């Protein structure tokens, strides 16, 4: 700033005598700026080259450090193994032996399932002919590229017919050009020949199988559950068969459930048919007073209470008669409600008893036949679970209905007792 002000003052003093001086100064500044930019670009290029060299060198050093760390880890592991105790070495050898025996067992099981002959050596090793592994390899390659093969199949009408069968992993597709039918195959356990699954493939699927057989291109339908959906459909059962699985303990549960249902139905009808209790009981009696007596504007229990008050003057005898009638009426209203409440309490206990009985049968079957056959022990488990289910199904509605009916009966009796207290000291004459 000071230099520029000085230049301006000199120019003012000289009166701008010369115009060439400013032009030369500006040209010199432009040249200097251009040279500075070139120097800056050269410096940046040099810095980039050196940075790249340093980066490459740094990567090499990092790779060397990584290799040294791996080498150090290997050396440390070797040193640790040298310092291992005899017990640790024995434990490691035992684990290796267990792994080796497990692999041998898997190989032996696979060879037995495939009906492949093998030999046992003195060290319990499994010896197999190498030709067998080549044959298994060829079969695996054939499975990866399946082809149609003619096989006898049981059709949907029960006849044995030759079908073209295509194995795609665990899925089998079949088609017969003469019958113009096809679909999925299933292999029942106690059956040597496969059969067509009923109710799955339609005419459109059969056409697609024909195209797949002839051209190798087609859209097919398959079961993603691998037959489990069909088993579930076949195992669907009704209510009666489901209850039968509960065994003998299902009968008392159903008996108490039916008894509670009948009692609840009758008590509901009885409570609904009871006359409504008047809120302004005394006011209505006063309104019906005449010179000839009192007209009774009520029905049911209230009418009986008014009749007692008319026939008996105010005394302890009237109170005793009113109390006696209230007790009789309360017993009538609350009668048989205990059946529903008892069912709600006893049904879960019967279900628990059935559960214990079923589990005892299950353990007896397991002790006799072992745990290998699930169908043998499933009967006891079904009995245990079904009885528990039935007990809860009976108990829960019974408990709810018992609470509702008891509340209705107690409310009715409480209102009736309130009116009885009012009428016990009411002068009727």
Protein backbone atom coordinates (compact mmCIF):
# COMPACT_ATOMS: atom_id res chain seq x y z
CA UNK A 1 0.00 0.00 0.00
CA UNK A 2 2.84 2.42 0.83
CA UNK A 3 4.56 1.72 -2.52
CA UNK A 4 1.42 2.34 -4.51
CA UNK A 5 0.72 5.64 -2.70
CA UNK A 6 4.29 6.74 -3.36
CA UNK A 7 3.94 6.02 -7.09
CA UNK A 8 0.70 7.95 -7.25
CA UNK A 9 2.28 10.99 -5.57
CA UNK A 10 5.20 10.96 -8.02
CA UNK A 11 2.79 10.77 -10.90
CA UNK A 12 0.82 13.69 -9.57
CA UNK A 13 3.98 15.75 -9.08
CA UNK A 14 5.33 15.09 -12.53
CA UNK A 15 1.89 15.78 -13.98
CA UNK A 16 1.75 12.53 -15.84
CA UNK A 17 4.49 13.67 -18.07
CA UNK A 18 5.14 10.28 -19.55
CA UNK A 19 2.63 7.47 -20.42
CA UNK A 20 5.24 4.85 -21.37
CA UNK A 21 6.40 4.30 -17.76
CA UNK A 22 3.10 2.80 -16.47
CA UNK A 23 2.82 0.54 -19.50
CA UNK A 24 6.30 -0.87 -18.97
CA UNK A 25 5.63 -1.45 -15.28
CA UNK A 26 2.40 -3.37 -16.01
CA UNK A 27 4.12 -5.52 -18.64
CA UNK A 28 6.85 -6.39 -16.16
CA UNK A 29 4.29 -7.43 -13.56
CA UNK A 30 2.50 -9.69 -16.05
CA UNK A 31 5.77 -11.38 -17.00
CA UNK A 32 6.64 -11.99 -13.38
CA UNK A 33 3.22 -13.49 -12.68
CA UNK A 34 3.54 -15.83 -15.70
CA UNK A 35 6.97 -17.01 -14.59
CA UNK A 36 5.68 -17.57 -11.08
CA UNK A 37 2.82 -19.72 -12.37
CA UNK A 38 5.21 -21.82 -14.44
CA UNK A 39 7.44 -22.30 -11.43
CA UNK A 40 4.44 -23.27 -9.31
CA UNK A 41 3.26 -25.87 -11.86
CA UNK A 42 6.73 -27.37 -12.07
CA UNK A 43 6.95 -27.52 -8.29
CA UNK A 44 3.53 -29.23 -8.02
CA UNK A 45 4.47 -31.80 -10.66
CA UNK A 46 7.69 -32.56 -8.81
CA UNK A 47 5.82 -32.92 -5.52
CA UNK A 48 3.29 -35.33 -7.12
CA UNK A 49 6.06 -37.49 -8.55
CA UNK A 50 7.83 -37.66 -5.22
CA UNK A 51 4.52 -38.42 -3.41
CA UNK A 52 3.84 -41.30 -5.80
CA UNK A 53 7.30 -42.71 -5.21
CA UNK A 54 6.86 -42.44 -1.46
CA UNK A 55 3.43 -44.10 -1.68
CA UNK A 56 4.82 -47.07 -3.62
CA UNK A 57 7.64 -47.36 -1.14
CA UNK A 58 5.16 -47.15 1.76
CA UNK A 59 3.03 -49.96 0.28
CA UNK A 60 6.08 -52.15 -0.05
CA UNK A 61 7.01 -51.47 3.54
CA UNK A 62 3.46 -52.25 4.72
CA UNK A 63 3.49 -55.54 2.80
CA UNK A 64 6.83 -56.38 4.38
CA UNK A 65 5.43 -55.56 7.84
CA UNK A 66 2.40 -57.80 7.18
CA UNK A 67 4.62 -60.67 6.09
CA UNK A 68 6.79 -60.19 9.16
CA UNK A 69 3.69 -60.24 11.40
CA UNK A 70 2.51 -63.50 9.82
CA UNK A 71 5.97 -64.92 10.23
CA UNK A 72 6.02 -63.78 13.85
CA UNK A 73 2.60 -65.37 14.44
CA UNK A 74 3.82 -68.66 12.97
CA UNK A 75 6.96 -68.53 15.09
CA UNK A 76 4.89 -67.74 18.19
CA UNK A 77 2.49 -70.61 17.45
CA UNK A 78 5.42 -72.97 16.99
CA UNK A 79 6.90 -71.78 20.25
CA UNK A 80 3.58 -72.22 22.03
CA UNK A 81 3.25 -75.75 20.68
CA UNK A 82 6.72 -76.56 21.90
CA UNK A 83 5.71 -75.34 25.34
CA UNK A 84 2.44 -77.33 25.39
CA UNK A 85 2.08 -79.88 28.10
CA UNK A 86 1.60 -83.58 27.52
CA UNK A 87 -2.06 -83.34 28.58
CA UNK A 88 -2.77 -80.66 25.98
CA UNK A 89 -1.07 -82.69 23.26
CA UNK A 90 -3.06 -85.76 24.28
CA UNK A 91 -6.29 -83.78 24.20
CA UNK A 92 -5.52 -82.49 20.69
CA UNK A 93 -4.68 -85.98 19.44
CA UNK A 94 -7.93 -87.33 20.90
CA UNK A 95 -9.93 -84.63 19.10
CA UNK A 96 -8.20 -85.50 15.83
CA UNK A 97 -9.02 -89.16 16.37
CA UNK A 98 -12.68 -88.36 17.09
CA UNK A 99 -12.86 -86.30 13.91
CA UNK A 100 -11.24 -89.10 11.93
CA UNK A 101 -13.65 -91.69 13.35
CA UNK A 102 -16.63 -89.43 12.58
CA UNK A 103 -15.52 -89.03 8.97
CA UNK A 104 -15.02 -92.79 8.66
CA UNK A 105 -18.51 -93.37 10.06
CA UNK A 106 -20.03 -90.95 7.56
CA UNK A 107 -18.22 -92.68 4.71
CA UNK A 108 -19.30 -96.11 5.94
CA UNK A 109 -22.94 -94.98 6.30
CA UNK A 110 -22.96 -93.55 2.78
CA UNK A 111 -21.45 -96.72 1.31
CA UNK A 112 -24.05 -98.86 3.11
CA UNK A 113 -26.90 -96.69 1.83
CA UNK A 114 -25.58 -96.95 -1.72
CA UNK A 115 -25.04 -100.75 -1.35
CA UNK A 116 -21.35 -100.36 -2.14
CA UNK A 117 -18.97 -103.08 -0.99
CA UNK A 118 -16.08 -102.02 1.23
CA UNK A 119 -13.55 -103.64 3.51
CA UNK A 120 -12.32 -103.01 7.07
CA UNK A 121 -8.60 -103.16 7.73
CA UNK A 122 -7.00 -103.94 11.03
CA UNK A 123 -6.93 -100.26 11.97
CA UNK A 124 -10.70 -99.89 11.36
CA UNK A 125 -10.06 -97.94 8.15
CA UNK A 126 -12.59 -98.23 5.32
CA UNK A 127 -11.08 -99.45 2.05
CA UNK A 128 -13.02 -98.80 -1.16
CA UNK A 129 -12.20 -99.64 -4.73
CA UNK A 130 -11.21 -96.42 -6.60
CA UNK A 131 -13.45 -97.49 -9.49
CA UNK A 132 -16.46 -96.94 -7.22
CA UNK A 133 -15.51 -93.29 -6.68
CA UNK A 134 -15.23 -92.81 -10.44
CA UNK A 135 -18.68 -94.33 -10.88
CA UNK A 136 -20.11 -92.05 -8.16
CA UNK A 137 -18.49 -89.10 -9.88
CA UNK A 138 -20.16 -90.02 -13.17
CA UNK A 139 -23.53 -90.40 -11.39
CA UNK A 140 -23.08 -86.95 -9.83
CA UNK A 141 -22.36 -85.48 -13.24
CA UNK A 142 -25.50 -87.20 -14.60
CA UNK A 143 -27.53 -85.71 -11.75
CA UNK A 144 -26.25 -82.26 -12.63
CA UNK A 145 -27.37 -82.82 -16.25
CA UNK A 146 -30.53 -84.97 -15.87
CA UNK A 147 -32.13 -86.83 -18.75
CA UNK A 148 -35.43 -88.63 -19.35
CA UNK A 149 -35.52 -92.34 -18.48
CA UNK A 150 -38.34 -94.81 -18.98
CA UNK A 151 -39.64 -96.23 -15.68
CA UNK A 152 -42.76 -98.10 -14.58
CA UNK A 153 -45.10 -95.80 -12.67
CA UNK A 154 -48.47 -96.32 -10.97
CA UNK A 155 -50.88 -93.95 -12.69
CA UNK A 156 -53.72 -92.08 -11.00
CA UNK A 157 -56.21 -94.87 -11.86
CA UNK A 158 -53.99 -97.54 -10.23
CA UNK A 159 -52.50 -99.06 -13.41
CA UNK A 160 -48.80 -99.68 -13.92
CA UNK A 161 -47.66 -97.90 -17.07
CA UNK A 162 -44.25 -96.97 -18.51
CA UNK A 163 -43.58 -93.26 -18.08
CA UNK A 164 -40.71 -91.04 -19.11
CA UNK A 165 -39.24 -89.88 -15.78
CA UNK A 166 -36.98 -86.90 -15.23
CA UNK A 167 -35.08 -86.65 -11.93
CA UNK A 168 -34.28 -83.05 -10.92
CA UNK A 169 -32.61 -83.38 -7.56
CA UNK A 170 -35.24 -84.62 -5.09
CA UNK A 171 -38.06 -83.88 -7.57
CA UNK A 172 -39.33 -86.46 -10.06
CA UNK A 173 -41.44 -85.55 -13.10
CA UNK A 174 -43.15 -88.13 -15.31
CA UNK A 175 -45.00 -88.00 -18.63
CA UNK A 176 -46.72 -90.60 -20.81
CA UNK A 177 -47.39 -89.56 -24.39
CA UNK A 178 -49.97 -92.30 -25.01
CA UNK A 179 -52.05 -91.45 -21.95
CA UNK A 180 -51.29 -87.73 -22.38
CA UNK A 181 -50.89 -87.41 -18.64
CA UNK A 182 -48.07 -86.64 -16.29
CA UNK A 183 -47.07 -84.80 -13.19
CA UNK A 184 -45.14 -85.17 -9.97
CA UNK A 185 -44.08 -88.53 -8.57
CA UNK A 186 -43.98 -89.69 -4.98
CA UNK A 187 -42.27 -92.72 -3.48
CA UNK A 188 -44.25 -94.24 -0.59
CA UNK A 189 -42.27 -96.04 2.07
CA UNK A 190 -43.85 -99.49 1.67
CA UNK A 191 -44.06 -99.36 -2.13
CA UNK A 192 -41.47 -100.34 -4.73
CA UNK A 193 -42.87 -98.31 -7.64
CA UNK A 194 -43.49 -94.57 -7.61
CA UNK A 195 -46.95 -93.20 -8.32
CA UNK A 196 -48.37 -90.00 -9.71
CA UNK A 197 -49.55 -87.44 -7.18
CA UNK A 198 -53.30 -86.95 -7.53
CA UNK A 199 -54.96 -83.57 -7.83
CA UNK A 200 -51.81 -81.60 -8.65
CA UNK A 201 -51.16 -81.66 -12.41
CA UNK A 202 -53.84 -80.53 -14.86
CA UNK A 203 -53.99 -80.55 -18.65
CA UNK A 204 -51.92 -77.37 -18.90
CA UNK A 205 -49.12 -78.92 -16.83
CA UNK A 206 -49.25 -82.07 -18.96
CA UNK A 207 -48.75 -79.96 -22.11
CA UNK A 208 -45.75 -78.26 -20.51
CA UNK A 209 -44.27 -81.66 -19.63
CA UNK A 210 -44.72 -82.74 -23.28
CA UNK A 211 -42.83 -79.67 -24.46
CA UNK A 212 -40.13 -80.30 -21.86
CA UNK A 213 -39.83 -83.91 -23.05
CA UNK A 214 -39.63 -83.01 -26.73
CA UNK A 215 -37.76 -79.70 -26.77
CA UNK A 216 -36.16 -79.51 -23.34
CA UNK A 217 -37.93 -76.22 -22.61
CA UNK A 218 -41.08 -76.01 -20.53
CA UNK A 219 -42.68 -74.61 -17.39
CA UNK A 220 -43.34 -77.31 -14.79
CA UNK A 221 -45.09 -77.41 -11.41
CA UNK A 222 -43.32 -78.90 -8.41
CA UNK A 223 -43.88 -79.21 -4.69
CA UNK A 224 -41.42 -77.03 -2.73
CA UNK A 225 -42.20 -79.00 0.44
CA UNK A 226 -41.06 -82.27 -1.21
CA UNK A 227 -44.25 -84.13 -0.34
CA UNK A 228 -44.81 -82.70 3.12
CA UNK A 229 -47.81 -80.68 1.95
CA UNK A 230 -49.46 -83.87 0.68
CA UNK A 231 -48.78 -85.60 3.98
CA UNK A 232 -50.35 -82.72 5.89
CA UNK A 233 -53.39 -82.82 3.62
CA UNK A 234 -53.79 -86.56 4.13
CA UNK A 235 -53.38 -86.19 7.90
CA UNK A 236 -56.16 -83.65 8.25
CA UNK A 237 -58.70 -84.94 10.75
CA UNK A 238 -62.08 -84.00 12.11
CA UNK A 239 -63.10 -83.02 15.59
CA UNK A 240 -64.12 -86.57 16.57
CA UNK A 241 -60.83 -88.14 15.51
CA UNK A 242 -58.95 -85.34 17.24
CA UNK A 243 -60.83 -85.94 20.49
CA UNK A 244 -60.21 -89.69 20.23
CA UNK A 245 -56.49 -89.01 20.48
CA UNK A 246 -57.09 -87.74 24.01
CA UNK A 247 -57.81 -91.25 25.20
CA UNK A 248 -60.06 -92.17 28.10
CA UNK A 249 -59.47 -88.89 29.99
CA UNK A 250 -61.18 -86.91 27.26
CA UNK A 251 -64.55 -88.45 28.21
CA UNK A 252 -64.88 -86.93 31.72
CA UNK A 253 -63.71 -83.57 30.40
CA UNK A 254 -66.40 -83.62 27.73
CA UNK A 255 -68.98 -84.80 30.28
CA UNK A 256 -68.27 -81.90 32.63
CA UNK A 257 -68.20 -79.50 29.69
CA UNK A 258 -71.64 -80.68 28.52
CA UNK A 259 -72.97 -80.51 32.08
CA UNK A 260 -71.68 -76.94 32.51
CA UNK A 261 -73.18 -75.94 29.16
CA UNK A 262 -76.63 -77.25 30.09
CA UNK A 263 -76.52 -75.63 33.54
CA UNK A 264 -75.34 -72.32 32.11
CA UNK A 265 -78.06 -72.38 29.44
CA UNK A 266 -80.84 -73.09 31.94
CA UNK A 267 -79.59 -70.50 34.43
CA UNK A 268 -79.29 -67.88 31.68
CA UNK A 269 -82.91 -68.48 30.66
CA UNK A 270 -84.02 -68.35 34.30
CA UNK A 271 -82.21 -65.07 35.02
CA UNK A 272 -83.47 -63.48 31.83
CA UNK A 273 -87.08 -64.36 32.70
CA UNK A 274 -86.92 -62.87 36.20
CA UNK A 275 -89.02 -59.68 36.60
CA UNK A 276 -87.10 -56.45 36.82
CA UNK A 277 -86.57 -54.95 40.28
CA UNK A 278 -88.27 -51.60 40.77
CA UNK A 279 -86.10 -48.66 41.72
CA UNK A 280 -88.94 -46.58 43.28
CA UNK A 281 -90.49 -49.45 45.18
CA UNK A 282 -92.05 -47.52 48.10
CA UNK A 283 -93.22 -44.64 45.86
CA UNK A 284 -95.18 -47.04 43.69
CA UNK A 285 -96.79 -48.63 46.73
CA UNK A 286 -97.86 -45.23 48.08
CA UNK A 287 -99.30 -44.35 44.68
CA UNK A 288 -101.44 -47.51 44.70
CA UNK A 289 -102.90 -46.93 48.16
CA UNK A 290 -106.68 -46.55 48.19
CA UNK A 291 -109.38 -46.53 50.81
CA UNK A 292 -110.03 -50.18 50.05
CA UNK A 293 -106.38 -51.24 50.44
CA UNK A 294 -103.29 -51.45 48.26
CA UNK A 295 -103.14 -52.68 44.70
CA UNK A 296 -99.94 -54.67 44.09
CA UNK A 297 -98.27 -53.35 40.90
CA UNK A 298 -95.39 -55.86 40.98
CA UNK A 299 -94.66 -59.41 39.85
CA UNK A 300 -92.50 -62.21 41.11
CA UNK A 301 -90.49 -61.80 44.30
CA UNK A 302 -91.56 -58.20 44.90
CA UNK A 303 -95.21 -59.24 44.75
CA UNK A 304 -94.54 -61.93 47.35
CA UNK A 305 -92.80 -59.40 49.62
CA UNK A 306 -95.75 -57.00 49.37
CA UNK A 307 -98.14 -59.89 50.09
CA UNK A 308 -96.20 -60.76 53.26
CA UNK A 309 -96.33 -57.13 54.34
CA UNK A 310 -100.11 -57.00 53.74
CA UNK A 311 -100.81 -60.22 55.63
CA UNK A 312 -98.52 -59.48 58.60
CA UNK A 313 -98.38 -56.31 60.70
CA UNK A 314 -95.08 -54.59 61.47
CA UNK A 315 -93.33 -56.92 63.88
CA UNK A 316 -90.45 -59.34 64.21
CA UNK A 317 -92.66 -62.01 62.67
CA UNK A 318 -92.91 -59.98 59.47
CA UNK A 319 -89.13 -59.53 59.38
CA UNK A 320 -88.59 -63.24 59.91
CA UNK A 321 -90.97 -64.11 57.08
CA UNK A 322 -89.30 -61.62 54.75
CA UNK A 323 -85.82 -62.94 55.59
CA UNK A 324 -87.00 -66.53 55.14
CA UNK A 325 -88.47 -65.76 51.74
CA UNK A 326 -85.34 -63.88 50.67
CA UNK A 327 -83.16 -66.87 51.57
CA UNK A 328 -85.43 -69.24 49.65
CA UNK A 329 -85.47 -66.95 46.61
CA UNK A 330 -81.69 -66.43 46.75
CA UNK A 331 -81.18 -70.19 46.81
CA UNK A 332 -83.49 -70.53 43.82
CA UNK A 333 -81.65 -67.84 41.85
CA UNK A 334 -78.12 -69.11 42.66
CA UNK A 335 -78.96 -72.79 42.41
CA UNK A 336 -76.76 -74.82 39.99
CA UNK A 337 -74.31 -71.95 39.47
CA UNK A 338 -71.77 -74.05 41.35
CA UNK A 339 -71.89 -76.62 38.55
CA UNK A 340 -70.38 -74.13 36.10
CA UNK A 341 -67.80 -72.91 38.62
CA UNK A 342 -66.86 -76.48 39.55
CA UNK A 343 -66.39 -77.37 35.88
CA UNK A 344 -64.12 -74.36 35.40
CA UNK A 345 -61.97 -75.62 38.31
CA UNK A 346 -61.96 -79.35 37.59
CA UNK A 347 -61.48 -79.31 33.79
CA UNK A 348 -57.81 -78.15 33.90
CA UNK A 349 -57.09 -80.75 36.58
CA UNK A 350 -58.54 -83.50 34.40
CA UNK A 351 -56.46 -82.17 31.50
CA UNK A 352 -53.36 -82.27 33.69
CA UNK A 353 -54.21 -85.80 34.76
CA UNK A 354 -54.51 -86.82 31.12
CA UNK A 355 -51.17 -85.15 30.41
CA UNK A 356 -49.45 -87.11 33.17
CA UNK A 357 -51.07 -90.34 31.96
CA UNK A 358 -49.99 -89.70 28.38
CA UNK A 359 -46.41 -88.95 29.38
CA UNK A 360 -46.29 -92.14 31.46
CA UNK A 361 -47.40 -94.11 28.39
CA UNK A 362 -44.81 -92.32 26.30
CA UNK A 363 -41.97 -93.20 28.64
CA UNK A 364 -43.18 -96.80 28.83
CA UNK A 365 -43.10 -97.04 25.03
CA UNK A 366 -39.66 -95.43 24.92
CA UNK A 367 -38.40 -97.90 27.51
CA UNK A 368 -39.80 -100.83 25.53
CA UNK A 369 -39.13 -99.87 21.90
CA UNK A 370 -36.50 -97.14 22.24
CA UNK A 371 -36.55 -93.64 20.80
CA UNK A 372 -35.81 -94.54 17.18
CA UNK A 373 -39.43 -94.90 16.04
CA UNK A 374 -41.33 -91.65 16.49
CA UNK A 375 -44.67 -93.24 15.61
CA UNK A 376 -44.39 -95.57 18.60
CA UNK A 377 -44.24 -92.78 21.16
CA UNK A 378 -46.47 -90.28 19.35
CA UNK A 379 -49.65 -91.84 20.77
CA UNK A 380 -48.79 -90.98 24.36
CA UNK A 381 -47.71 -87.47 23.41
CA UNK A 382 -50.98 -86.94 21.51
CA UNK A 383 -52.97 -88.08 24.54
CA UNK A 384 -51.00 -85.72 26.79
CA UNK A 385 -51.46 -82.67 24.59
CA UNK A 386 -55.08 -83.27 23.53
CA UNK A 387 -56.32 -83.70 27.11
CA UNK A 388 -54.60 -80.48 28.14
CA UNK A 389 -56.17 -78.71 25.19
CA UNK A 390 -59.65 -80.05 25.96
CA UNK A 391 -59.33 -79.12 29.63
CA UNK A 392 -58.48 -75.52 28.77
CA UNK A 393 -61.19 -75.32 26.11
CA UNK A 394 -63.80 -76.37 28.69
CA UNK A 395 -62.37 -74.38 31.62
CA UNK A 396 -61.95 -70.95 30.04
CA UNK A 397 -65.56 -70.49 28.79
CA UNK A 398 -66.91 -72.05 31.99
CA UNK A 399 -64.95 -69.59 34.10
CA UNK A 400 -66.20 -66.61 32.09
CA UNK A 401 -69.84 -67.78 32.08
CA UNK A 402 -69.72 -68.56 35.82
CA UNK A 403 -68.46 -65.06 36.59
CA UNK A 404 -71.15 -63.41 34.45
CA UNK A 405 -74.02 -65.48 35.86
CA UNK A 406 -72.84 -65.05 39.46
CA UNK A 407 -72.60 -61.30 39.00
CA UNK A 408 -76.11 -61.19 37.53
CA UNK A 409 -77.56 -63.29 40.37
CA UNK A 410 -75.83 -61.32 43.15
CA UNK A 411 -76.93 -58.02 41.63
CA UNK A 412 -80.54 -59.20 41.45
CA UNK A 413 -80.52 -60.48 45.04
CA UNK A 414 -78.89 -57.27 46.32
CA UNK A 415 -81.58 -55.10 44.73
CA UNK A 416 -84.32 -57.37 46.08
CA UNK A 417 -82.85 -57.23 49.60
CA UNK A 418 -82.77 -53.43 49.45
CA UNK A 419 -86.49 -53.34 48.62
CA UNK A 420 -87.20 -55.90 51.34
CA UNK A 421 -85.51 -53.68 53.93
CA UNK A 422 -87.66 -50.78 52.81
CA UNK A 423 -90.89 -52.75 53.04
CA UNK A 424 -90.11 -54.43 56.39
CA UNK A 425 -91.08 -51.26 58.35
CA UNK A 426 -93.66 -49.96 55.90
CA UNK A 427 -97.14 -49.62 57.31
CA UNK A 428 -99.59 -51.09 54.81
CA UNK A 429 -102.84 -50.21 56.68
